[in-house]
Structures are given as structure tokens and as C-alpha cells.
Amino acid sequence: MSIELNFPGSEERKTIDLGSSLPWFAVRVKSNYEKPVSAVLRGKGFEEFVPTFSSKRRWSDRIKVVDVPLFPGYLFCRLDLDKRLPLLTTPGFLYLVGKGKTPEPIEEQEVLAIQSLVRSGLPTLPWPSIMVGQKVRLERGPLRGVEGIVAKIADQHRIYVNVTLLQRSVFVQVDPEWIRSVGRPSSTLAA
């Protein structure tokens, strides 16, 4: 089986044979080690992929645009599980993602979709997987430490959380960066 990729704004077409390649695995690495581990793995002959996005970072005297991992603490690597020792001995490597102690491969189409997204040049940002009805804790802002239920997701800048203060329910708009998931969605809350 093969898949053909088209890149927006160019005549470039790439055909990838899905049947002849090793499976992709998600690799958990130490914080801020995504790029160094990726470089070491490449040097060891592995095919690796660290999806990144451009982010503005403020220093005291300037603003700089830097490439930041889309999935902090993770990278993707094609791997034959029978030949993983060089991966396991890489500085910064923590573990292969899977169920229990068994690494689980990632669908080829998912990695191709992420690669296409990164290559497209479209603005990309990481986004927490938060759903209406999910229990969250506010990690920043004036309500830091308060827990509530996501009541409405208006857009990428406005999330409404229902919190209980003084035995009263309050519907408050919060910045998505303030939210940390602490539970699964509840089916009792309507959007």
C-alpha cells in the first residue's frame, strides 16, 4: 500500500510506500531533550521526527521566534523492536510509549498527517485535549487552585468553566493556558 502527499503551494508530490517501512513509535524523553535525542538517534541510523511549531519568546531586551516541540517530551521514531538497544542507551531517553511495558506502534497515517501539518506552513499550536463536561483545575490566574467543570468552549481563546464558590455556581471565562485536566468528561453536562 502506498500513499501520495501533496504539499500546498507547490507542485511537489511525494509517494510513500507504507508496506516496506518499520512502524513508528512515540518515544518519551527528558524535558527539553527532544532535539538532542533526535540528533543522536539520527546519528545512530534511526528515522526520527520531532514536530515543531514557531513560538515567540520574550527576553528582557527582545522577542525571538524559536521552534518549540509540538508534543513536549516526545518524539517519533521508526523502530524494529528487536533492534532497540541503541535507542535504549541514548542519553535523555526515558521509555517507549505503550500499554504497560509493551510499546505500541503509532498508525502510519497519524504520523504522516502530523508531518503534512508541519510542512504545510499553516499556524500550528499545541492544544490540550479538553472537552465539555471535563473536570479541570485552574493552574494560573486569579482563580489558581480552583477546580471546576468545562461548560463551554467558544474558541481557541475562550473557555468557560463552571466553578463552585461559596456554595454558588459561577460561570467564568478563562485563558486555555490556565487549565489543567483532572478528570474525564461528565455526560450530565450539556454544551
N, C-alpha and C. Protein backbone atom coordinates (compact mmCIF):
# COMPACT_ATOMS: atom_id res chain seq x y z
N MET A 1 0.85 -1.18 0.00
CA MET A 1 0.00 0.00 0.00
C MET A 1 0.89 1.23 0.00
N SER A 2 0.54 2.24 -0.79
CA SER A 2 1.31 3.48 -0.80
C SER A 2 0.35 4.66 -0.67
N ILE A 3 0.92 5.78 -0.27
CA ILE A 3 0.13 7.00 -0.09
C ILE A 3 0.85 8.13 -0.79
N GLU A 4 0.08 9.04 -1.42
CA GLU A 4 0.67 10.16 -2.12
C GLU A 4 0.35 11.44 -1.36
N LEU A 5 1.39 12.24 -1.11
CA LEU A 5 1.22 13.50 -0.39
C LEU A 5 1.36 14.67 -1.35
N ASN A 6 0.48 15.65 -1.21
CA ASN A 6 0.57 16.90 -1.96
C ASN A 6 0.83 18.02 -0.98
N PHE A 7 1.77 18.90 -1.29
CA PHE A 7 2.08 19.99 -0.40
C PHE A 7 1.48 21.28 -0.94
N PRO A 8 0.65 21.99 -0.13
CA PRO A 8 0.00 23.21 -0.58
C PRO A 8 1.02 24.24 -1.05
N GLY A 9 0.69 24.90 -2.16
CA GLY A 9 1.54 25.98 -2.66
C GLY A 9 2.74 25.50 -3.45
N SER A 10 2.84 24.20 -3.73
CA SER A 10 3.96 23.72 -4.53
C SER A 10 3.47 22.57 -5.40
N GLU A 11 4.27 22.28 -6.39
CA GLU A 11 3.95 21.17 -7.30
C GLU A 11 4.54 19.85 -6.79
N GLU A 12 5.20 19.91 -5.62
CA GLU A 12 5.86 18.73 -5.08
C GLU A 12 4.84 17.66 -4.69
N ARG A 13 5.11 16.45 -5.14
CA ARG A 13 4.30 15.30 -4.78
C ARG A 13 5.26 14.23 -4.28
N LYS A 14 4.88 13.56 -3.24
CA LYS A 14 5.74 12.53 -2.68
C LYS A 14 4.91 11.28 -2.47
N THR A 15 5.38 10.15 -2.98
CA THR A 15 4.71 8.88 -2.79
C THR A 15 5.50 8.09 -1.76
N ILE A 16 4.81 7.58 -0.75
CA ILE A 16 5.44 6.82 0.31
C ILE A 16 4.86 5.42 0.31
N ASP A 17 5.72 4.43 0.29
CA ASP A 17 5.30 3.04 0.35
C ASP A 17 5.13 2.67 1.82
N LEU A 18 3.90 2.36 2.21
CA LEU A 18 3.61 2.06 3.61
C LEU A 18 3.93 0.62 3.99
N GLY A 19 4.07 -0.26 3.03
CA GLY A 19 4.26 -1.66 3.35
C GLY A 19 5.70 -2.05 3.67
N SER A 20 6.68 -1.25 3.25
CA SER A 20 8.06 -1.68 3.37
C SER A 20 8.82 -1.01 4.51
N SER A 21 8.19 -0.20 5.31
CA SER A 21 8.91 0.53 6.33
C SER A 21 8.58 0.02 7.73
N LEU A 22 9.48 0.35 8.65
CA LEU A 22 9.27 -0.02 10.05
C LEU A 22 8.17 0.83 10.66
N PRO A 23 7.52 0.33 11.72
CA PRO A 23 6.46 1.13 12.37
C PRO A 23 7.04 2.28 13.17
N TRP A 24 6.23 3.32 13.35
CA TRP A 24 6.58 4.47 14.18
C TRP A 24 6.20 4.17 15.63
N PHE A 25 7.02 4.66 16.55
CA PHE A 25 6.73 4.58 17.97
C PHE A 25 6.91 5.96 18.57
N ALA A 26 6.13 6.27 19.60
CA ALA A 26 6.33 7.51 20.35
C ALA A 26 7.39 7.22 21.41
N VAL A 27 8.36 8.12 21.51
CA VAL A 27 9.45 7.97 22.46
C VAL A 27 9.35 9.09 23.48
N ARG A 28 9.29 8.75 24.74
CA ARG A 28 9.26 9.74 25.83
C ARG A 28 10.70 10.05 26.20
N VAL A 29 11.02 11.36 26.22
CA VAL A 29 12.37 11.81 26.55
C VAL A 29 12.31 12.82 27.68
N LYS A 30 13.47 13.11 28.27
CA LYS A 30 13.53 14.11 29.32
C LYS A 30 13.07 15.46 28.76
N SER A 31 12.57 16.31 29.66
CA SER A 31 12.11 17.63 29.28
C SER A 31 13.23 18.41 28.59
N ASN A 32 12.92 19.03 27.48
CA ASN A 32 13.83 19.83 26.66
C ASN A 32 14.94 19.01 26.01
N TYR A 33 14.78 17.71 25.90
CA TYR A 33 15.76 16.85 25.25
C TYR A 33 15.27 16.34 23.89
N GLU A 34 14.15 16.84 23.41
CA GLU A 34 13.59 16.33 22.17
C GLU A 34 14.58 16.45 21.01
N LYS A 35 15.16 17.63 20.82
CA LYS A 35 16.07 17.85 19.69
C LYS A 35 17.41 17.14 19.88
N PRO A 36 18.04 17.18 21.07
CA PRO A 36 19.30 16.44 21.22
C PRO A 36 19.14 14.93 21.04
N VAL A 37 18.08 14.34 21.60
CA VAL A 37 17.84 12.91 21.44
C VAL A 37 17.59 12.60 19.97
N SER A 38 16.84 13.45 19.30
CA SER A 38 16.56 13.27 17.88
C SER A 38 17.86 13.24 17.07
N ALA A 39 18.77 14.17 17.36
CA ALA A 39 20.04 14.23 16.64
C ALA A 39 20.88 12.97 16.89
N VAL A 40 20.91 12.50 18.14
CA VAL A 40 21.67 11.29 18.46
C VAL A 40 21.07 10.08 17.74
N LEU A 41 19.74 9.97 17.76
CA LEU A 41 19.08 8.84 17.08
C LEU A 41 19.36 8.86 15.59
N ARG A 42 19.33 10.05 14.99
CA ARG A 42 19.64 10.18 13.56
C ARG A 42 21.07 9.70 13.30
N GLY A 43 21.99 10.07 14.19
CA GLY A 43 23.38 9.63 14.05
C GLY A 43 23.54 8.12 14.21
N LYS A 44 22.64 7.50 14.95
CA LYS A 44 22.68 6.05 15.14
C LYS A 44 21.95 5.30 14.01
N GLY A 45 21.42 6.03 13.04
CA GLY A 45 20.78 5.42 11.89
C GLY A 45 19.28 5.25 11.98
N PHE A 46 18.64 5.80 13.01
CA PHE A 46 17.19 5.73 13.15
C PHE A 46 16.53 6.84 12.35
N GLU A 47 15.32 6.57 11.84
CA GLU A 47 14.50 7.63 11.26
C GLU A 47 13.66 8.18 12.39
N GLU A 48 13.82 9.49 12.67
CA GLU A 48 13.12 10.12 13.78
C GLU A 48 12.40 11.37 13.29
N PHE A 49 11.50 11.86 14.11
CA PHE A 49 10.70 13.03 13.73
C PHE A 49 10.28 13.77 15.00
N VAL A 50 10.64 15.04 15.08
CA VAL A 50 10.20 15.91 16.18
C VAL A 50 9.37 17.03 15.56
N PRO A 51 8.04 16.95 15.63
CA PRO A 51 7.23 18.03 15.08
C PRO A 51 7.38 19.28 15.94
N THR A 52 7.56 20.43 15.28
CA THR A 52 7.74 21.69 16.00
C THR A 52 6.81 22.75 15.43
N PHE A 53 6.66 23.83 16.20
CA PHE A 53 5.92 25.00 15.74
C PHE A 53 6.71 26.22 16.16
N SER A 54 6.47 27.34 15.49
CA SER A 54 7.16 28.58 15.81
C SER A 54 6.44 29.30 16.93
N SER A 55 7.21 29.75 17.92
CA SER A 55 6.65 30.43 19.06
C SER A 55 7.48 31.67 19.38
N LYS A 56 6.80 32.75 19.72
CA LYS A 56 7.51 33.97 20.11
C LYS A 56 7.88 33.86 21.59
N ARG A 57 9.14 34.08 21.90
CA ARG A 57 9.62 34.06 23.28
C ARG A 57 10.21 35.42 23.61
N ARG A 58 9.87 35.91 24.79
CA ARG A 58 10.31 37.25 25.19
C ARG A 58 11.52 37.14 26.10
N TRP A 59 12.57 37.83 25.72
CA TRP A 59 13.72 38.03 26.58
C TRP A 59 13.63 39.45 27.11
N SER A 60 14.48 39.83 28.02
CA SER A 60 14.39 41.16 28.61
C SER A 60 14.57 42.27 27.58
N ASP A 61 15.35 42.01 26.54
CA ASP A 61 15.64 43.06 25.57
C ASP A 61 15.07 42.84 24.17
N ARG A 62 14.43 41.69 23.94
CA ARG A 62 13.93 41.42 22.59
C ARG A 62 12.91 40.27 22.61
N ILE A 63 12.25 40.11 21.46
CA ILE A 63 11.36 38.98 21.24
C ILE A 63 11.99 38.15 20.13
N LYS A 64 12.08 36.85 20.35
CA LYS A 64 12.70 35.96 19.38
C LYS A 64 11.72 34.86 19.02
N VAL A 65 11.71 34.45 17.75
CA VAL A 65 10.88 33.35 17.30
C VAL A 65 11.74 32.08 17.33
N VAL A 66 11.28 31.08 18.06
CA VAL A 66 12.01 29.82 18.19
C VAL A 66 11.10 28.65 17.82
N ASP A 67 11.71 27.56 17.38
CA ASP A 67 10.96 26.33 17.12
C ASP A 67 10.84 25.55 18.41
N VAL A 68 9.61 25.21 18.78
CA VAL A 68 9.30 24.51 20.03
C VAL A 68 8.61 23.20 19.68
N PRO A 69 8.91 22.10 20.39
CA PRO A 69 8.24 20.84 20.10
C PRO A 69 6.72 20.94 20.24
N LEU A 70 6.01 20.38 19.29
CA LEU A 70 4.54 20.36 19.32
C LEU A 70 4.04 19.45 20.43
N PHE A 71 4.81 18.39 20.71
CA PHE A 71 4.48 17.46 21.79
C PHE A 71 5.66 17.45 22.76
N PRO A 72 5.70 18.38 23.72
CA PRO A 72 6.85 18.46 24.62
C PRO A 72 7.11 17.13 25.34
N GLY A 73 8.37 16.71 25.32
CA GLY A 73 8.76 15.47 25.98
C GLY A 73 8.61 14.22 25.12
N TYR A 74 8.24 14.40 23.85
CA TYR A 74 8.03 13.25 22.97
C TYR A 74 8.66 13.49 21.60
N LEU A 75 9.04 12.41 20.96
CA LEU A 75 9.42 12.42 19.56
C LEU A 75 8.96 11.10 18.97
N PHE A 76 9.01 10.99 17.66
CA PHE A 76 8.59 9.78 16.97
C PHE A 76 9.81 9.13 16.34
N CYS A 77 9.83 7.79 16.32
CA CYS A 77 10.98 7.07 15.79
C CYS A 77 10.51 5.78 15.13
N ARG A 78 11.03 5.51 13.91
CA ARG A 78 10.78 4.21 13.27
C ARG A 78 11.71 3.22 13.93
N LEU A 79 11.16 2.05 14.25
CA LEU A 79 11.93 1.15 15.08
C LEU A 79 11.57 -0.31 14.87
N ASP A 80 12.58 -1.16 14.80
CA ASP A 80 12.41 -2.60 14.87
C ASP A 80 12.63 -2.94 16.35
N LEU A 81 11.59 -3.37 17.04
CA LEU A 81 11.69 -3.62 18.48
C LEU A 81 12.78 -4.63 18.84
N ASP A 82 13.14 -5.51 17.91
CA ASP A 82 14.20 -6.47 18.17
C ASP A 82 15.58 -5.82 18.12
N LYS A 83 15.67 -4.59 17.60
CA LYS A 83 16.96 -3.89 17.48
C LYS A 83 16.89 -2.52 18.16
N ARG A 84 16.33 -2.49 19.36
CA ARG A 84 16.12 -1.21 20.04
C ARG A 84 17.20 -0.83 21.04
N LEU A 85 18.18 -1.66 21.27
CA LEU A 85 19.21 -1.37 22.27
C LEU A 85 19.89 -0.01 22.05
N PRO A 86 20.26 0.36 20.82
CA PRO A 86 20.87 1.69 20.64
C PRO A 86 19.94 2.83 21.09
N LEU A 87 18.63 2.65 20.92
CA LEU A 87 17.67 3.65 21.38
C LEU A 87 17.65 3.70 22.90
N LEU A 88 17.61 2.54 23.53
CA LEU A 88 17.51 2.47 24.98
C LEU A 88 18.72 3.06 25.69
N THR A 89 19.87 3.09 25.03
CA THR A 89 21.09 3.62 25.64
C THR A 89 21.35 5.08 25.29
N THR A 90 20.41 5.72 24.64
CA THR A 90 20.57 7.12 24.25
C THR A 90 20.34 8.04 25.44
N PRO A 91 21.30 8.94 25.73
CA PRO A 91 21.10 9.89 26.85
C PRO A 91 19.84 10.73 26.63
N GLY A 92 19.00 10.83 27.65
CA GLY A 92 17.75 11.58 27.57
C GLY A 92 16.55 10.72 27.28
N PHE A 93 16.76 9.48 26.81
CA PHE A 93 15.67 8.55 26.55
C PHE A 93 15.04 8.12 27.87
N LEU A 94 13.69 8.09 27.95
CA LEU A 94 13.01 7.61 29.15
C LEU A 94 12.32 6.27 28.89
N TYR A 95 11.41 6.21 27.89
CA TYR A 95 10.73 4.96 27.59
C TYR A 95 9.98 5.07 26.28
N LEU A 96 9.58 3.91 25.75
CA LEU A 96 8.71 3.85 24.58
C LEU A 96 7.27 3.86 25.07
N VAL A 97 6.42 4.63 24.45
CA VAL A 97 5.02 4.74 24.87
C VAL A 97 4.26 3.49 24.43
N GLY A 98 3.44 2.98 25.33
CA GLY A 98 2.64 1.80 25.02
C GLY A 98 1.69 1.47 26.13
N LYS A 99 1.25 0.24 26.15
CA LYS A 99 0.35 -0.24 27.20
C LYS A 99 1.18 -1.07 28.17
N GLY A 100 1.27 -0.60 29.40
CA GLY A 100 2.11 -1.28 30.37
C GLY A 100 3.55 -1.22 29.92
N LYS A 101 4.19 -2.38 29.85
CA LYS A 101 5.58 -2.43 29.41
C LYS A 101 5.72 -2.79 27.94
N THR A 102 4.59 -2.86 27.24
CA THR A 102 4.61 -3.24 25.83
C THR A 102 4.47 -1.99 24.95
N PRO A 103 5.52 -1.64 24.20
CA PRO A 103 5.43 -0.48 23.29
C PRO A 103 4.37 -0.73 22.22
N GLU A 104 3.59 0.31 21.93
CA GLU A 104 2.53 0.23 20.92
C GLU A 104 2.90 1.11 19.73
N PRO A 105 2.90 0.55 18.51
CA PRO A 105 3.20 1.38 17.34
C PRO A 105 2.09 2.40 17.09
N ILE A 106 2.47 3.47 16.42
CA ILE A 106 1.52 4.53 16.05
C ILE A 106 1.13 4.32 14.60
N GLU A 107 -0.13 4.57 14.30
CA GLU A 107 -0.61 4.42 12.92
C GLU A 107 0.23 5.29 11.98
N GLU A 108 0.65 4.72 10.87
CA GLU A 108 1.44 5.44 9.86
C GLU A 108 0.72 6.71 9.40
N GLN A 109 -0.60 6.61 9.21
CA GLN A 109 -1.37 7.75 8.72
C GLN A 109 -1.35 8.91 9.72
N GLU A 110 -1.31 8.61 11.02
CA GLU A 110 -1.26 9.68 12.03
C GLU A 110 0.04 10.45 11.94
N VAL A 111 1.16 9.74 11.81
CA VAL A 111 2.45 10.41 11.70
C VAL A 111 2.52 11.18 10.39
N LEU A 112 2.03 10.60 9.30
CA LEU A 112 2.02 11.32 8.01
C LEU A 112 1.17 12.58 8.10
N ALA A 113 0.06 12.51 8.81
CA ALA A 113 -0.80 13.70 8.96
C ALA A 113 -0.07 14.79 9.74
N ILE A 114 0.65 14.41 10.80
CA ILE A 114 1.40 15.40 11.58
C ILE A 114 2.52 15.99 10.72
N GLN A 115 3.23 15.15 9.96
CA GLN A 115 4.29 15.64 9.08
C GLN A 115 3.73 16.60 8.04
N SER A 116 2.58 16.27 7.46
CA SER A 116 1.96 17.15 6.47
C SER A 116 1.55 18.47 7.09
N LEU A 117 1.02 18.43 8.30
CA LEU A 117 0.62 19.64 9.00
C LEU A 117 1.82 20.54 9.24
N VAL A 118 2.92 19.96 9.72
CA VAL A 118 4.12 20.74 10.00
C VAL A 118 4.69 21.33 8.71
N ARG A 119 4.72 20.54 7.63
CA ARG A 119 5.26 21.03 6.35
C ARG A 119 4.36 22.05 5.66
N SER A 120 3.09 22.08 6.00
CA SER A 120 2.14 22.95 5.32
C SER A 120 2.42 24.44 5.53
N GLY A 121 3.07 24.76 6.63
CA GLY A 121 3.32 26.17 6.93
C GLY A 121 2.14 26.85 7.61
N LEU A 122 1.05 26.13 7.81
CA LEU A 122 -0.10 26.71 8.49
C LEU A 122 0.24 26.94 9.96
N PRO A 123 -0.31 27.99 10.59
CA PRO A 123 -0.05 28.20 12.02
C PRO A 123 -0.52 27.00 12.84
N THR A 124 0.35 26.46 13.65
CA THR A 124 0.05 25.28 14.45
C THR A 124 0.41 25.55 15.89
N LEU A 125 -0.46 25.16 16.79
CA LEU A 125 -0.20 25.31 18.22
C LEU A 125 -0.64 24.05 18.94
N PRO A 126 0.07 23.68 20.01
CA PRO A 126 -0.43 22.56 20.80
C PRO A 126 -1.71 22.98 21.51
N TRP A 127 -2.59 22.05 21.71
CA TRP A 127 -3.87 22.36 22.35
C TRP A 127 -4.23 21.24 23.30
N PRO A 128 -4.55 21.57 24.53
CA PRO A 128 -4.91 20.49 25.46
C PRO A 128 -6.19 19.81 25.00
N SER A 129 -6.25 18.53 25.21
CA SER A 129 -7.43 17.77 24.83
C SER A 129 -8.46 17.91 25.94
N ILE A 130 -9.24 18.99 25.86
CA ILE A 130 -10.24 19.29 26.88
C ILE A 130 -11.60 19.26 26.23
N MET A 131 -12.56 18.65 26.91
CA MET A 131 -13.90 18.53 26.37
C MET A 131 -14.91 19.12 27.35
N VAL A 132 -16.05 19.51 26.80
CA VAL A 132 -17.14 20.00 27.64
C VAL A 132 -17.52 18.89 28.61
N GLY A 133 -17.69 19.25 29.87
CA GLY A 133 -18.04 18.29 30.90
C GLY A 133 -16.84 17.74 31.66
N GLN A 134 -15.64 18.09 31.21
CA GLN A 134 -14.43 17.58 31.84
C GLN A 134 -14.07 18.40 33.08
N LYS A 135 -13.61 17.71 34.12
CA LYS A 135 -13.18 18.38 35.34
C LYS A 135 -11.77 18.93 35.13
N VAL A 136 -11.58 20.20 35.50
CA VAL A 136 -10.29 20.86 35.32
C VAL A 136 -9.89 21.62 36.58
N ARG A 137 -8.61 21.88 36.69
CA ARG A 137 -8.08 22.72 37.77
C ARG A 137 -7.46 23.94 37.11
N LEU A 138 -7.74 25.12 37.65
CA LEU A 138 -7.15 26.34 37.13
C LEU A 138 -5.76 26.49 37.75
N GLU A 139 -4.73 26.46 36.91
CA GLU A 139 -3.34 26.49 37.36
C GLU A 139 -2.77 27.89 37.44
N ARG A 140 -3.41 28.85 36.78
CA ARG A 140 -2.91 30.23 36.77
C ARG A 140 -4.09 31.18 36.92
N GLY A 141 -3.76 32.45 37.03
CA GLY A 141 -4.80 33.47 37.10
C GLY A 141 -5.34 33.66 38.51
N PRO A 142 -6.32 34.54 38.65
CA PRO A 142 -6.84 34.86 39.97
C PRO A 142 -7.56 33.70 40.66
N LEU A 143 -7.99 32.70 39.90
CA LEU A 143 -8.68 31.54 40.49
C LEU A 143 -7.76 30.32 40.59
N ARG A 144 -6.47 30.54 40.61
CA ARG A 144 -5.49 29.45 40.69
C ARG A 144 -5.83 28.50 41.84
N GLY A 145 -5.83 27.18 41.54
CA GLY A 145 -6.12 26.17 42.54
C GLY A 145 -7.58 25.75 42.59
N VAL A 146 -8.47 26.50 41.97
CA VAL A 146 -9.90 26.19 41.98
C VAL A 146 -10.18 25.12 40.93
N GLU A 147 -11.05 24.17 41.26
CA GLU A 147 -11.47 23.15 40.31
C GLU A 147 -12.87 23.46 39.82
N GLY A 148 -13.14 23.05 38.60
CA GLY A 148 -14.46 23.27 38.02
C GLY A 148 -14.70 22.31 36.87
N ILE A 149 -15.81 22.53 36.16
CA ILE A 149 -16.21 21.70 35.03
C ILE A 149 -16.26 22.59 33.79
N VAL A 150 -15.64 22.13 32.67
CA VAL A 150 -15.69 22.88 31.42
C VAL A 150 -17.14 22.91 30.96
N ALA A 151 -17.69 24.11 30.83
CA ALA A 151 -19.09 24.26 30.45
C ALA A 151 -19.25 24.58 28.96
N LYS A 152 -18.26 25.30 28.39
CA LYS A 152 -18.39 25.72 27.00
C LYS A 152 -17.00 26.03 26.47
N ILE A 153 -16.74 25.64 25.21
CA ILE A 153 -15.50 26.00 24.54
C ILE A 153 -15.91 26.87 23.36
N ALA A 154 -15.71 28.19 23.51
CA ALA A 154 -16.15 29.12 22.49
C ALA A 154 -15.20 29.14 21.30
N ASP A 155 -13.92 29.24 21.55
CA ASP A 155 -12.91 29.24 20.51
C ASP A 155 -11.56 29.00 21.17
N GLN A 156 -10.48 29.18 20.42
CA GLN A 156 -9.16 28.87 20.97
C GLN A 156 -8.74 29.83 22.08
N HIS A 157 -9.43 30.93 22.27
CA HIS A 157 -9.06 31.90 23.31
C HIS A 157 -10.05 31.97 24.46
N ARG A 158 -11.21 31.33 24.32
CA ARG A 158 -12.23 31.45 25.36
C ARG A 158 -12.80 30.10 25.74
N ILE A 159 -12.55 29.74 26.97
CA ILE A 159 -13.13 28.52 27.54
C ILE A 159 -13.89 28.95 28.79
N TYR A 160 -15.09 28.44 28.94
CA TYR A 160 -15.90 28.80 30.09
C TYR A 160 -15.92 27.63 31.07
N VAL A 161 -15.66 27.94 32.32
CA VAL A 161 -15.61 26.92 33.35
C VAL A 161 -16.66 27.24 34.41
N ASN A 162 -17.39 26.24 34.82
CA ASN A 162 -18.37 26.37 35.89
C ASN A 162 -17.68 25.97 37.19
N VAL A 163 -17.51 26.92 38.12
CA VAL A 163 -16.86 26.63 39.40
C VAL A 163 -17.82 26.93 40.54
N THR A 164 -17.60 26.26 41.63
CA THR A 164 -18.44 26.47 42.80
C THR A 164 -17.64 27.26 43.83
N LEU A 165 -18.13 28.45 44.16
CA LEU A 165 -17.51 29.31 45.18
C LEU A 165 -18.60 29.69 46.17
N LEU A 166 -18.34 29.55 47.44
CA LEU A 166 -19.29 29.91 48.49
C LEU A 166 -20.64 29.22 48.28
N GLN A 167 -20.61 27.98 47.86
CA GLN A 167 -21.78 27.16 47.61
C GLN A 167 -22.69 27.74 46.53
N ARG A 168 -22.09 28.48 45.63
CA ARG A 168 -22.80 29.03 44.46
C ARG A 168 -22.02 28.66 43.21
N SER A 169 -22.72 28.46 42.14
CA SER A 169 -22.07 28.14 40.88
C SER A 169 -21.74 29.43 40.14
N VAL A 170 -20.54 29.52 39.58
CA VAL A 170 -20.10 30.69 38.84
C VAL A 170 -19.60 30.23 37.48
N PHE A 171 -20.03 30.91 36.43
CA PHE A 171 -19.64 30.62 35.06
C PHE A 171 -18.58 31.65 34.70
N VAL A 172 -17.32 31.24 34.47
CA VAL A 172 -16.24 32.19 34.28
C VAL A 172 -15.46 31.86 33.01
N GLN A 173 -15.08 32.91 32.27
CA GLN A 173 -14.26 32.75 31.08
C GLN A 173 -12.79 32.74 31.51
N VAL A 174 -12.03 31.73 31.04
CA VAL A 174 -10.62 31.63 31.42
C VAL A 174 -9.76 31.41 30.19
N ASP A 175 -8.49 31.72 30.34
CA ASP A 175 -7.49 31.51 29.30
C ASP A 175 -7.20 30.00 29.24
N PRO A 176 -7.15 29.41 28.04
CA PRO A 176 -6.88 27.97 27.94
C PRO A 176 -5.57 27.55 28.60
N GLU A 177 -4.60 28.43 28.66
CA GLU A 177 -3.31 28.10 29.28
C GLU A 177 -3.42 27.94 30.79
N TRP A 178 -4.50 28.40 31.39
CA TRP A 178 -4.68 28.29 32.84
C TRP A 178 -5.20 26.91 33.26
N ILE A 179 -5.71 26.15 32.29
CA ILE A 179 -6.45 24.93 32.60
C ILE A 179 -5.56 23.70 32.60
N ARG A 180 -5.77 22.84 33.59
CA ARG A 180 -5.12 21.53 33.65
C ARG A 180 -6.22 20.50 33.87
N SER A 181 -6.26 19.48 33.02
CA SER A 181 -7.27 18.44 33.13
C SER A 181 -7.05 17.60 34.39
N VAL A 182 -8.14 17.29 35.10
CA VAL A 182 -8.05 16.42 36.26
C VAL A 182 -9.06 15.28 36.22
N GLY A 183 -9.85 15.19 35.16
CA GLY A 183 -10.84 14.12 35.09
C GLY A 183 -11.43 13.95 33.73
N ARG A 184 -12.21 12.93 33.58
CA ARG A 184 -12.89 12.62 32.33
C ARG A 184 -14.17 13.45 32.20
N PRO A 185 -14.65 13.64 30.96
CA PRO A 185 -15.90 14.38 30.76
C PRO A 185 -17.08 13.70 31.44
N SER A 186 -17.97 14.52 31.92
CA SER A 186 -19.20 14.02 32.54
C SER A 186 -20.30 14.08 31.50
N SER A 187 -21.09 13.04 31.42
CA SER A 187 -22.16 13.01 30.40
C SER A 187 -23.40 13.79 30.86
N THR A 188 -23.38 14.32 32.08
CA THR A 188 -24.56 15.00 32.59
C THR A 188 -24.61 16.47 32.22
N LEU A 189 -23.50 17.04 31.77
CA LEU A 189 -23.45 18.46 31.45
C LEU A 189 -23.69 18.68 29.97
N ALA A 190 -24.65 19.49 29.63
CA ALA A 190 -24.94 19.78 28.23
C ALA A 190 -24.14 20.99 27.78
N ALA A 191 -23.77 21.03 26.52
CA ALA A 191 -22.99 22.14 25.98
C ALA A 191 -23.84 23.35 25.75
